[in-house]
Amino acid sequence: MGNFFPTEPPRDRYCVACKKGSDTDEYMKDYPKNWQRYPGARETVLLCALCKKGPAYLTHPCEKCGVVYLLDHLPKYDFNGDHACPKCDAAYGETAKSKGIDLMPKALNP
């Protein structure tokens, strides 16, 4: 069974438009003004608080390999209902690349 109630949820976000990361707490500083869902996106994707243009996705470190990837940009879940890692699941990572989606931005994985 998937981990539906994580003890510590991911806190960081990454905007694919301005290519910058930010802490979710930045969005809470001017709540609710900064807490705007990106139009047409899932409920976890917010309008970037930095550039006010692009979608800011939650980031998540893989427990197995340590790579940090974007949640809900091109979501895939394993048989337990947990988010699949695009590095551990190479086919998933290649599918994202073929669609022009970088799920593991270099800024998050120096």
N, C-alpha and C. Protein backbone atom coordinates (compact mmCIF):
# COMPACT_ATOMS: atom_id res chain seq x y z
N MET A 1 0.85 -1.18 0.00
CA MET A 1 0.00 0.00 0.00
C MET A 1 0.89 1.24 0.00
N GLY A 2 0.52 2.24 -0.74
CA GLY A 2 1.30 3.47 -0.86
C GLY A 2 1.32 4.27 0.43
N ASN A 3 2.26 5.16 0.52
CA ASN A 3 2.40 6.02 1.67
C ASN A 3 1.55 7.26 1.45
N PHE A 4 0.28 7.21 1.86
CA PHE A 4 -0.65 8.30 1.60
C PHE A 4 -0.51 9.43 2.61
N PHE A 5 0.09 9.17 3.75
CA PHE A 5 0.24 10.18 4.78
C PHE A 5 1.71 10.26 5.19
N PRO A 6 2.54 10.87 4.35
CA PRO A 6 3.96 10.95 4.68
C PRO A 6 4.18 11.76 5.95
N THR A 7 5.20 11.38 6.71
CA THR A 7 5.46 12.09 7.95
C THR A 7 6.01 13.49 7.69
N GLU A 8 6.76 13.64 6.62
CA GLU A 8 7.29 14.96 6.27
C GLU A 8 7.13 15.18 4.77
N PRO A 9 6.15 15.97 4.36
CA PRO A 9 5.92 16.18 2.92
C PRO A 9 7.04 16.99 2.29
N PRO A 10 7.22 16.84 0.98
CA PRO A 10 8.24 17.66 0.32
C PRO A 10 7.88 19.13 0.44
N ARG A 11 8.89 19.97 0.65
CA ARG A 11 8.63 21.38 0.90
C ARG A 11 9.11 22.29 -0.22
N ASP A 12 10.00 21.81 -1.07
CA ASP A 12 10.56 22.68 -2.09
C ASP A 12 9.75 22.64 -3.38
N ARG A 13 9.91 23.70 -4.17
CA ARG A 13 9.23 23.80 -5.47
C ARG A 13 10.25 24.23 -6.52
N TYR A 14 9.95 23.93 -7.78
CA TYR A 14 10.81 24.30 -8.89
C TYR A 14 9.93 24.78 -10.03
N CYS A 15 10.25 25.97 -10.55
CA CYS A 15 9.50 26.54 -11.66
C CYS A 15 10.17 26.16 -12.97
N VAL A 16 9.42 25.59 -13.89
CA VAL A 16 9.99 25.19 -15.18
C VAL A 16 10.12 26.39 -16.12
N ALA A 17 9.52 27.52 -15.80
CA ALA A 17 9.63 28.71 -16.65
C ALA A 17 10.90 29.50 -16.32
N CYS A 18 11.08 29.86 -15.05
CA CYS A 18 12.26 30.66 -14.68
C CYS A 18 13.44 29.79 -14.24
N LYS A 19 13.21 28.48 -14.14
CA LYS A 19 14.27 27.51 -13.79
C LYS A 19 14.89 27.80 -12.43
N LYS A 20 14.05 28.23 -11.47
CA LYS A 20 14.54 28.51 -10.13
C LYS A 20 13.75 27.70 -9.11
N GLY A 21 14.45 27.34 -8.06
CA GLY A 21 13.82 26.62 -6.97
C GLY A 21 13.45 27.57 -5.85
N SER A 22 12.46 27.19 -5.08
CA SER A 22 12.06 27.99 -3.93
C SER A 22 11.45 27.08 -2.89
N ASP A 23 11.43 27.56 -1.66
CA ASP A 23 10.85 26.82 -0.56
C ASP A 23 9.35 27.09 -0.54
N THR A 24 8.57 26.10 -0.22
CA THR A 24 7.12 26.28 -0.16
C THR A 24 6.75 27.37 0.85
N ASP A 25 7.59 27.58 1.85
CA ASP A 25 7.32 28.63 2.83
C ASP A 25 7.26 30.02 2.19
N GLU A 26 7.95 30.21 1.05
CA GLU A 26 7.89 31.48 0.33
C GLU A 26 6.45 31.78 -0.11
N TYR A 27 5.72 30.75 -0.41
CA TYR A 27 4.34 30.91 -0.86
C TYR A 27 3.42 31.28 0.31
N MET A 28 3.81 30.88 1.51
CA MET A 28 2.99 31.15 2.68
C MET A 28 3.20 32.57 3.22
N LYS A 29 4.30 33.23 2.84
CA LYS A 29 4.59 34.57 3.35
C LYS A 29 3.50 35.57 2.99
N ASP A 30 2.95 35.46 1.82
CA ASP A 30 1.91 36.38 1.38
C ASP A 30 0.66 35.58 1.01
N TYR A 31 0.28 34.67 1.91
CA TYR A 31 -0.90 33.84 1.68
C TYR A 31 -2.15 34.68 1.81
N PRO A 32 -3.17 34.55 1.01
CA PRO A 32 -3.34 33.59 -0.09
C PRO A 32 -2.90 34.13 -1.45
N LYS A 33 -2.36 35.34 -1.50
CA LYS A 33 -1.98 35.94 -2.79
C LYS A 33 -1.01 35.04 -3.56
N ASN A 34 0.01 34.52 -2.89
CA ASN A 34 1.00 33.67 -3.56
C ASN A 34 0.53 32.24 -3.76
N TRP A 35 -0.52 31.84 -3.09
CA TRP A 35 -0.96 30.45 -3.16
C TRP A 35 -2.03 30.31 -4.24
N GLN A 36 -1.59 30.41 -5.49
CA GLN A 36 -2.51 30.33 -6.62
C GLN A 36 -2.18 29.09 -7.45
N ARG A 37 -3.18 28.29 -7.70
CA ARG A 37 -2.97 27.12 -8.53
C ARG A 37 -2.69 27.55 -9.96
N TYR A 38 -1.73 26.89 -10.59
CA TYR A 38 -1.40 27.20 -11.98
C TYR A 38 -2.57 26.77 -12.85
N PRO A 39 -3.05 27.63 -13.75
CA PRO A 39 -4.23 27.33 -14.57
C PRO A 39 -4.08 26.02 -15.35
N GLY A 40 -5.05 25.17 -15.22
CA GLY A 40 -5.09 23.91 -15.96
C GLY A 40 -4.22 22.81 -15.40
N ALA A 41 -3.56 23.06 -14.26
CA ALA A 41 -2.66 22.06 -13.68
C ALA A 41 -3.32 21.35 -12.50
N ARG A 42 -2.65 20.33 -12.03
CA ARG A 42 -3.12 19.61 -10.84
C ARG A 42 -3.11 20.55 -9.64
N GLU A 43 -3.80 20.15 -8.58
CA GLU A 43 -3.94 21.01 -7.41
C GLU A 43 -2.62 21.25 -6.67
N THR A 44 -1.61 20.42 -6.90
CA THR A 44 -0.33 20.62 -6.21
C THR A 44 0.59 21.60 -6.94
N VAL A 45 0.23 21.99 -8.15
CA VAL A 45 1.07 22.87 -8.97
C VAL A 45 0.62 24.32 -8.79
N LEU A 46 1.55 25.16 -8.32
CA LEU A 46 1.22 26.56 -8.05
C LEU A 46 1.86 27.48 -9.08
N LEU A 47 1.28 28.66 -9.21
CA LEU A 47 1.89 29.71 -10.03
C LEU A 47 3.16 30.14 -9.30
N CYS A 48 4.26 30.22 -10.00
CA CYS A 48 5.56 30.53 -9.39
C CYS A 48 5.50 31.86 -8.63
N ALA A 49 5.93 31.83 -7.37
CA ALA A 49 5.94 33.05 -6.55
C ALA A 49 7.09 33.97 -6.94
N LEU A 50 8.07 33.45 -7.68
CA LEU A 50 9.23 34.26 -8.07
C LEU A 50 8.99 35.01 -9.37
N CYS A 51 8.60 34.30 -10.43
CA CYS A 51 8.43 34.95 -11.74
C CYS A 51 6.97 35.29 -12.06
N LYS A 52 6.04 34.71 -11.31
CA LYS A 52 4.60 34.94 -11.51
C LYS A 52 4.11 34.52 -12.90
N LYS A 53 4.86 33.62 -13.57
CA LYS A 53 4.49 33.19 -14.92
C LYS A 53 4.32 31.69 -15.05
N GLY A 54 5.27 30.95 -14.54
CA GLY A 54 5.29 29.51 -14.81
C GLY A 54 4.75 28.66 -13.69
N PRO A 55 4.62 27.36 -13.97
CA PRO A 55 4.16 26.42 -12.95
C PRO A 55 5.31 26.01 -12.03
N ALA A 56 5.04 25.99 -10.74
CA ALA A 56 6.03 25.57 -9.75
C ALA A 56 5.59 24.22 -9.19
N TYR A 57 6.38 23.20 -9.49
CA TYR A 57 6.07 21.84 -9.08
C TYR A 57 6.77 21.50 -7.77
N LEU A 58 6.12 20.64 -6.98
CA LEU A 58 6.77 20.11 -5.79
C LEU A 58 7.94 19.25 -6.22
N THR A 59 9.00 19.26 -5.43
CA THR A 59 10.15 18.41 -5.71
C THR A 59 10.20 17.30 -4.66
N HIS A 60 10.89 16.22 -5.02
CA HIS A 60 10.94 15.07 -4.11
C HIS A 60 12.25 14.32 -4.32
N PRO A 61 12.97 14.00 -3.24
CA PRO A 61 14.18 13.19 -3.38
C PRO A 61 13.81 11.70 -3.38
N CYS A 62 14.41 10.96 -4.29
CA CYS A 62 14.18 9.52 -4.35
C CYS A 62 14.87 8.86 -3.16
N GLU A 63 14.15 7.99 -2.48
CA GLU A 63 14.71 7.30 -1.32
C GLU A 63 15.78 6.29 -1.72
N LYS A 64 15.71 5.79 -2.95
CA LYS A 64 16.67 4.77 -3.40
C LYS A 64 17.95 5.37 -3.95
N CYS A 65 17.83 6.31 -4.89
CA CYS A 65 19.02 6.82 -5.58
C CYS A 65 19.41 8.25 -5.18
N GLY A 66 18.52 8.98 -4.51
CA GLY A 66 18.83 10.32 -4.03
C GLY A 66 18.59 11.45 -5.01
N VAL A 67 18.25 11.14 -6.27
CA VAL A 67 17.99 12.19 -7.24
C VAL A 67 16.73 12.96 -6.84
N VAL A 68 16.74 14.27 -7.08
CA VAL A 68 15.56 15.10 -6.79
C VAL A 68 14.81 15.29 -8.10
N TYR A 69 13.52 15.00 -8.08
CA TYR A 69 12.71 15.10 -9.30
C TYR A 69 11.42 15.85 -9.04
N LEU A 70 10.75 16.23 -10.12
CA LEU A 70 9.51 17.00 -10.04
C LEU A 70 8.32 16.06 -9.93
N LEU A 71 7.48 16.32 -8.95
CA LEU A 71 6.24 15.56 -8.80
C LEU A 71 5.16 16.17 -9.68
N ASP A 72 4.29 15.38 -10.19
CA ASP A 72 3.08 15.81 -10.90
C ASP A 72 3.31 16.58 -12.19
N HIS A 73 4.53 16.60 -12.73
CA HIS A 73 4.74 17.23 -14.04
C HIS A 73 4.29 16.23 -15.11
N LEU A 74 4.75 15.02 -15.00
CA LEU A 74 4.32 13.91 -15.84
C LEU A 74 4.24 12.73 -14.86
N PRO A 75 3.18 12.69 -14.04
CA PRO A 75 3.15 11.74 -12.93
C PRO A 75 3.07 10.28 -13.37
N LYS A 76 3.78 9.45 -12.61
CA LYS A 76 3.70 8.01 -12.76
C LYS A 76 3.83 7.42 -11.36
N TYR A 77 3.07 6.38 -11.11
CA TYR A 77 3.08 5.76 -9.79
C TYR A 77 3.47 4.30 -9.92
N ASP A 78 4.15 3.80 -8.88
CA ASP A 78 4.51 2.38 -8.89
C ASP A 78 3.33 1.55 -8.40
N PHE A 79 3.53 0.25 -8.30
CA PHE A 79 2.43 -0.64 -7.92
C PHE A 79 1.94 -0.42 -6.50
N ASN A 80 2.71 0.30 -5.67
CA ASN A 80 2.29 0.63 -4.31
C ASN A 80 1.54 1.96 -4.24
N GLY A 81 1.48 2.67 -5.36
CA GLY A 81 0.82 3.98 -5.37
C GLY A 81 1.76 5.12 -5.04
N ASP A 82 3.06 4.82 -4.92
CA ASP A 82 4.06 5.86 -4.66
C ASP A 82 4.53 6.45 -5.98
N HIS A 83 5.04 7.68 -5.92
CA HIS A 83 5.59 8.31 -7.13
C HIS A 83 6.77 7.51 -7.64
N ALA A 84 6.82 7.31 -8.94
CA ALA A 84 7.96 6.63 -9.56
C ALA A 84 9.07 7.63 -9.80
N CYS A 85 10.31 7.18 -9.61
CA CYS A 85 11.48 8.02 -9.85
C CYS A 85 11.90 7.89 -11.30
N PRO A 86 12.11 9.00 -12.01
CA PRO A 86 12.49 8.93 -13.42
C PRO A 86 13.91 8.41 -13.65
N LYS A 87 14.73 8.35 -12.60
CA LYS A 87 16.07 7.78 -12.76
C LYS A 87 16.03 6.27 -12.52
N CYS A 88 15.33 5.85 -11.48
CA CYS A 88 15.23 4.41 -11.18
C CYS A 88 14.39 3.68 -12.23
N ASP A 89 13.37 4.34 -12.75
CA ASP A 89 12.52 3.78 -13.81
C ASP A 89 12.95 4.43 -15.12
N ALA A 90 13.97 3.85 -15.74
CA ALA A 90 14.58 4.44 -16.93
C ALA A 90 13.59 4.66 -18.06
N ALA A 91 12.64 3.75 -18.25
CA ALA A 91 11.65 3.91 -19.32
C ALA A 91 10.79 5.15 -19.08
N TYR A 92 10.44 5.39 -17.83
CA TYR A 92 9.67 6.58 -17.46
C TYR A 92 10.48 7.84 -17.75
N GLY A 93 11.76 7.84 -17.36
CA GLY A 93 12.63 8.98 -17.63
C GLY A 93 12.77 9.26 -19.11
N GLU A 94 12.89 8.20 -19.92
CA GLU A 94 13.02 8.36 -21.37
C GLU A 94 11.72 8.88 -21.99
N THR A 95 10.58 8.42 -21.47
CA THR A 95 9.29 8.90 -21.96
C THR A 95 9.17 10.41 -21.72
N ALA A 96 9.57 10.85 -20.53
CA ALA A 96 9.53 12.29 -20.22
C ALA A 96 10.44 13.06 -21.16
N LYS A 97 11.66 12.57 -21.36
CA LYS A 97 12.61 13.24 -22.27
C LYS A 97 12.05 13.33 -23.68
N SER A 98 11.42 12.26 -24.14
CA SER A 98 10.88 12.26 -25.51
C SER A 98 9.76 13.29 -25.68
N LYS A 99 9.14 13.68 -24.56
CA LYS A 99 8.08 14.69 -24.59
C LYS A 99 8.63 16.08 -24.27
N GLY A 100 9.95 16.18 -24.14
CA GLY A 100 10.58 17.48 -23.85
C GLY A 100 10.45 17.91 -22.40
N ILE A 101 10.22 16.96 -21.50
CA ILE A 101 10.03 17.28 -20.09
C ILE A 101 11.26 16.84 -19.30
N ASP A 102 11.85 17.77 -18.57
CA ASP A 102 13.00 17.47 -17.72
C ASP A 102 12.51 17.29 -16.30
N LEU A 103 12.37 16.05 -15.87
CA LEU A 103 11.88 15.76 -14.53
C LEU A 103 12.97 15.85 -13.46
N MET A 104 14.24 15.89 -13.91
CA MET A 104 15.37 15.95 -12.98
C MET A 104 16.27 17.14 -13.33
N PRO A 105 15.79 18.36 -13.12
CA PRO A 105 16.57 19.55 -13.50
C PRO A 105 17.95 19.57 -12.84
N LYS A 106 18.94 19.99 -13.60
CA LYS A 106 20.32 20.07 -13.09
C LYS A 106 20.42 21.00 -11.89
N ALA A 107 19.60 22.02 -11.83
CA ALA A 107 19.63 22.95 -10.70
C ALA A 107 19.29 22.24 -9.39
N LEU A 108 18.52 21.17 -9.47
CA LEU A 108 18.14 20.42 -8.27
C LEU A 108 19.11 19.28 -7.99
N ASN A 109 19.92 18.94 -8.98
CA ASN A 109 20.84 17.81 -8.87
C ASN A 109 22.24 18.22 -9.32
N PRO A 110 22.91 19.07 -8.54
CA PRO A 110 24.23 19.56 -8.96
C PRO A 110 25.29 18.46 -8.97
